[in-house]
N, C-alpha and C. Protein backbone atom coordinates (compact mmCIF):
# COMPACT_ATOMS: atom_id res chain seq x y z
N UNK A 1 0.82 -1.19 0.00
CA UNK A 1 0.00 0.00 0.00
C UNK A 1 0.87 1.25 0.00
N UNK A 2 1.98 1.24 0.69
CA UNK A 2 2.80 2.44 0.74
C UNK A 2 3.54 2.70 -0.55
N UNK A 3 3.67 1.70 -1.42
CA UNK A 3 4.35 1.89 -2.70
C UNK A 3 3.45 2.49 -3.76
N UNK A 4 2.17 2.54 -3.50
CA UNK A 4 1.21 3.05 -4.49
C UNK A 4 0.90 4.51 -4.19
N UNK A 5 1.09 5.38 -5.17
CA UNK A 5 0.83 6.82 -4.98
C UNK A 5 -0.64 7.14 -4.78
N UNK A 6 -1.52 6.21 -5.12
CA UNK A 6 -2.96 6.44 -4.96
C UNK A 6 -3.32 6.67 -3.49
N UNK A 7 -2.61 6.00 -2.59
CA UNK A 7 -2.95 6.05 -1.17
C UNK A 7 -2.02 6.93 -0.36
N UNK A 8 -1.24 7.79 -1.00
CA UNK A 8 -0.22 8.54 -0.28
C UNK A 8 -0.78 9.46 0.80
N UNK A 9 -2.04 9.82 0.71
CA UNK A 9 -2.62 10.71 1.72
C UNK A 9 -2.99 10.01 3.02
N UNK A 10 -3.17 8.69 2.99
CA UNK A 10 -3.61 7.98 4.18
C UNK A 10 -2.60 6.97 4.71
N UNK A 11 -1.44 6.89 4.07
CA UNK A 11 -0.45 5.90 4.48
C UNK A 11 -0.02 6.10 5.93
N UNK A 12 0.25 7.31 6.32
CA UNK A 12 0.66 7.59 7.70
C UNK A 12 -0.40 7.20 8.71
N UNK A 13 -1.64 7.47 8.38
CA UNK A 13 -2.75 7.12 9.25
C UNK A 13 -2.87 5.60 9.39
N UNK A 14 -2.75 4.88 8.29
CA UNK A 14 -2.86 3.43 8.32
C UNK A 14 -1.72 2.82 9.13
N UNK A 15 -0.51 3.31 8.96
CA UNK A 15 0.63 2.80 9.73
C UNK A 15 0.44 3.10 11.21
N UNK A 16 0.01 4.29 11.53
CA UNK A 16 -0.23 4.65 12.93
C UNK A 16 -1.32 3.81 13.58
N UNK A 17 -2.42 3.61 12.87
CA UNK A 17 -3.51 2.80 13.42
C UNK A 17 -3.11 1.33 13.56
N UNK A 18 -2.27 0.85 12.65
CA UNK A 18 -1.75 -0.51 12.77
C UNK A 18 -0.90 -0.65 14.03
N UNK A 19 -0.06 0.33 14.28
CA UNK A 19 0.77 0.31 15.48
C UNK A 19 -0.10 0.36 16.74
N UNK A 20 -1.12 1.19 16.75
CA UNK A 20 -2.04 1.27 17.89
C UNK A 20 -2.73 -0.08 18.11
N UNK A 21 -3.18 -0.72 17.03
CA UNK A 21 -3.83 -2.03 17.16
C UNK A 21 -2.86 -3.07 17.70
N UNK A 22 -1.61 -3.03 17.26
CA UNK A 22 -0.61 -3.97 17.77
C UNK A 22 -0.35 -3.74 19.25
N UNK A 23 -0.32 -2.50 19.66
CA UNK A 23 -0.09 -2.19 21.07
C UNK A 23 -1.26 -2.69 21.91
N UNK A 24 -2.48 -2.41 21.48
CA UNK A 24 -3.65 -2.88 22.24
C UNK A 24 -3.71 -4.40 22.29
N UNK A 25 -3.36 -5.06 21.21
CA UNK A 25 -3.42 -6.52 21.16
C UNK A 25 -2.28 -7.15 21.96
N UNK A 26 -1.10 -6.53 21.98
CA UNK A 26 0.06 -7.16 22.60
C UNK A 26 0.39 -6.72 24.00
N UNK A 27 -0.26 -5.70 24.50
CA UNK A 27 0.14 -5.16 25.80
C UNK A 27 -0.09 -6.16 26.95
N UNK A 28 -1.11 -6.98 26.84
CA UNK A 28 -1.36 -7.96 27.89
C UNK A 28 -0.41 -9.14 27.88
N UNK A 29 0.18 -9.43 26.71
CA UNK A 29 1.05 -10.59 26.58
C UNK A 29 2.53 -10.26 26.73
N UNK A 30 2.96 -9.15 26.12
CA UNK A 30 4.38 -8.84 26.07
C UNK A 30 4.73 -7.50 26.70
N UNK A 31 3.75 -6.75 27.13
CA UNK A 31 4.02 -5.40 27.59
C UNK A 31 4.19 -4.45 26.42
N UNK A 32 3.91 -4.95 25.21
CA UNK A 32 3.97 -4.18 23.97
C UNK A 32 5.34 -3.53 23.77
N UNK A 33 6.38 -4.33 23.94
CA UNK A 33 7.74 -3.86 23.73
C UNK A 33 8.13 -3.94 22.28
N UNK A 34 7.71 -2.98 21.45
CA UNK A 34 8.00 -3.01 20.03
C UNK A 34 9.36 -2.39 19.71
N UNK A 35 9.98 -1.76 20.67
CA UNK A 35 11.30 -1.19 20.50
C UNK A 35 12.31 -2.20 21.06
N UNK A 36 13.21 -2.73 20.23
CA UNK A 36 14.16 -3.74 20.72
C UNK A 36 15.01 -3.25 21.89
N UNK A 37 15.39 -1.99 21.89
CA UNK A 37 16.20 -1.47 22.99
C UNK A 37 15.41 -1.50 24.30
N UNK A 38 14.10 -1.28 24.20
CA UNK A 38 13.26 -1.30 25.38
C UNK A 38 13.13 -2.71 25.95
N UNK A 39 13.29 -3.71 25.13
CA UNK A 39 13.17 -5.09 25.57
C UNK A 39 14.51 -5.70 25.95
N UNK A 40 15.55 -5.40 25.18
CA UNK A 40 16.84 -6.04 25.39
C UNK A 40 17.58 -5.46 26.59
N UNK A 41 17.63 -4.14 26.70
CA UNK A 41 18.38 -3.51 27.78
C UNK A 41 17.88 -3.92 29.17
N UNK A 42 16.58 -3.85 29.46
CA UNK A 42 16.13 -4.29 30.78
C UNK A 42 16.40 -5.77 31.04
N UNK A 43 16.30 -6.61 30.01
CA UNK A 43 16.56 -8.03 30.19
C UNK A 43 18.02 -8.27 30.54
N UNK A 44 18.92 -7.55 29.89
CA UNK A 44 20.34 -7.70 30.21
C UNK A 44 20.65 -7.21 31.61
N UNK A 45 20.00 -6.13 32.02
CA UNK A 45 20.25 -5.60 33.36
C UNK A 45 19.63 -6.47 34.45
N UNK A 46 18.46 -7.04 34.18
CA UNK A 46 17.79 -7.86 35.18
C UNK A 46 18.39 -9.25 35.25
N UNK A 47 18.70 -9.83 34.10
CA UNK A 47 19.26 -11.18 34.06
C UNK A 47 18.22 -12.23 34.41
N UNK A 48 18.66 -13.39 34.78
CA UNK A 48 17.76 -14.46 35.20
C UNK A 48 16.76 -14.88 34.15
N UNK A 49 15.50 -14.97 34.54
CA UNK A 49 14.46 -15.46 33.65
C UNK A 49 14.18 -14.49 32.49
N UNK A 50 14.50 -13.22 32.68
CA UNK A 50 14.28 -12.26 31.60
C UNK A 50 15.15 -12.60 30.39
N UNK A 51 16.34 -13.12 30.62
CA UNK A 51 17.22 -13.50 29.52
C UNK A 51 16.72 -14.74 28.79
N UNK A 52 15.98 -15.60 29.50
CA UNK A 52 15.43 -16.80 28.87
C UNK A 52 14.37 -16.45 27.82
N UNK A 53 13.69 -15.36 28.00
CA UNK A 53 12.62 -14.97 27.09
C UNK A 53 13.06 -13.91 26.08
N UNK A 54 14.30 -13.52 26.14
CA UNK A 54 14.81 -12.47 25.27
C UNK A 54 14.87 -12.91 23.80
N UNK A 55 15.01 -14.18 23.56
CA UNK A 55 15.15 -14.68 22.19
C UNK A 55 13.98 -14.27 21.30
N UNK A 56 12.78 -14.17 21.86
CA UNK A 56 11.60 -13.83 21.05
C UNK A 56 11.70 -12.41 20.50
N UNK A 57 12.33 -11.50 21.24
CA UNK A 57 12.48 -10.13 20.77
C UNK A 57 13.59 -10.00 19.74
N UNK A 58 14.49 -10.98 19.70
CA UNK A 58 15.56 -10.96 18.72
C UNK A 58 15.15 -11.71 17.45
N UNK A 59 14.55 -12.88 17.60
CA UNK A 59 14.17 -13.71 16.47
C UNK A 59 12.85 -13.25 15.85
N UNK A 60 11.94 -12.75 16.64
CA UNK A 60 10.61 -12.35 16.17
C UNK A 60 10.61 -11.41 14.98
N UNK A 61 11.39 -10.33 14.99
CA UNK A 61 11.40 -9.43 13.84
C UNK A 61 11.88 -10.10 12.54
N UNK A 62 12.82 -11.01 12.66
CA UNK A 62 13.29 -11.72 11.47
C UNK A 62 12.20 -12.63 10.91
N UNK A 63 11.50 -13.33 11.78
CA UNK A 63 10.40 -14.19 11.34
C UNK A 63 9.30 -13.34 10.71
N UNK A 64 8.98 -12.21 11.32
CA UNK A 64 7.97 -11.31 10.77
C UNK A 64 8.36 -10.77 9.41
N UNK A 65 9.63 -10.44 9.24
CA UNK A 65 10.10 -9.93 7.95
C UNK A 65 10.00 -10.99 6.87
N UNK A 66 10.36 -12.22 7.20
CA UNK A 66 10.27 -13.31 6.22
C UNK A 66 8.81 -13.56 5.84
N UNK A 67 7.92 -13.57 6.82
CA UNK A 67 6.50 -13.75 6.53
C UNK A 67 5.95 -12.60 5.69
N UNK A 68 6.43 -11.39 5.95
CA UNK A 68 5.97 -10.24 5.17
C UNK A 68 6.42 -10.33 3.72
N UNK A 69 7.62 -10.84 3.48
CA UNK A 69 8.09 -11.02 2.11
C UNK A 69 7.19 -11.99 1.36
N UNK A 70 6.89 -13.13 1.98
CA UNK A 70 6.03 -14.11 1.33
C UNK A 70 4.61 -13.59 1.12
N UNK A 71 4.10 -12.84 2.10
CA UNK A 71 2.76 -12.26 1.95
C UNK A 71 2.74 -11.25 0.81
N UNK A 72 3.78 -10.43 0.72
CA UNK A 72 3.86 -9.44 -0.36
C UNK A 72 3.93 -10.14 -1.71
N UNK A 73 4.75 -11.17 -1.81
CA UNK A 73 4.86 -11.89 -3.08
C UNK A 73 3.54 -12.55 -3.46
N UNK A 74 2.83 -13.08 -2.47
CA UNK A 74 1.56 -13.75 -2.76
C UNK A 74 0.46 -12.75 -3.13
N UNK A 75 0.45 -11.60 -2.50
CA UNK A 75 -0.63 -10.65 -2.71
C UNK A 75 -0.38 -9.69 -3.88
N UNK A 76 0.86 -9.34 -4.12
CA UNK A 76 1.14 -8.27 -5.07
C UNK A 76 2.03 -8.71 -6.24
N UNK A 77 2.19 -9.99 -6.42
CA UNK A 77 3.01 -10.46 -7.53
C UNK A 77 2.31 -10.15 -8.85
N UNK A 78 3.04 -9.50 -9.71
CA UNK A 78 2.48 -9.13 -11.01
C UNK A 78 2.56 -10.33 -11.95
N UNK A 79 1.54 -10.47 -12.75
CA UNK A 79 1.51 -11.57 -13.71
C UNK A 79 2.57 -11.35 -14.78
N UNK A 80 3.36 -12.37 -15.02
CA UNK A 80 4.38 -12.27 -16.06
C UNK A 80 3.90 -12.97 -17.32
N UNK A 81 4.21 -12.38 -18.44
CA UNK A 81 3.77 -12.96 -19.72
C UNK A 81 4.95 -13.28 -20.59
C-alpha cells in the first residue's frame, strides 16, 4: 500500500492505526515492547528469567520480515507474460 501513490494521503494514518492495534493486542502478553532497545536492555540488566525470554524479541522481527516477504509476493506479484 505504501508503494502506491494512490494512497499517499492515508499511508501515515494506516501505519499509525496498525501500530495502535498492535499495542492494544500485545500489551497484555508482552508489555507491547516493540522497541528492541526497550526489551533487550532491561533483560540484560535484570538477568535471570528475563534472559530466557529475550530470544523472542531478537528472532521475532526476522520471522515477521520473512512472513511479510512471502505475503507481499503472494498478494502483489504481477503476472508475467
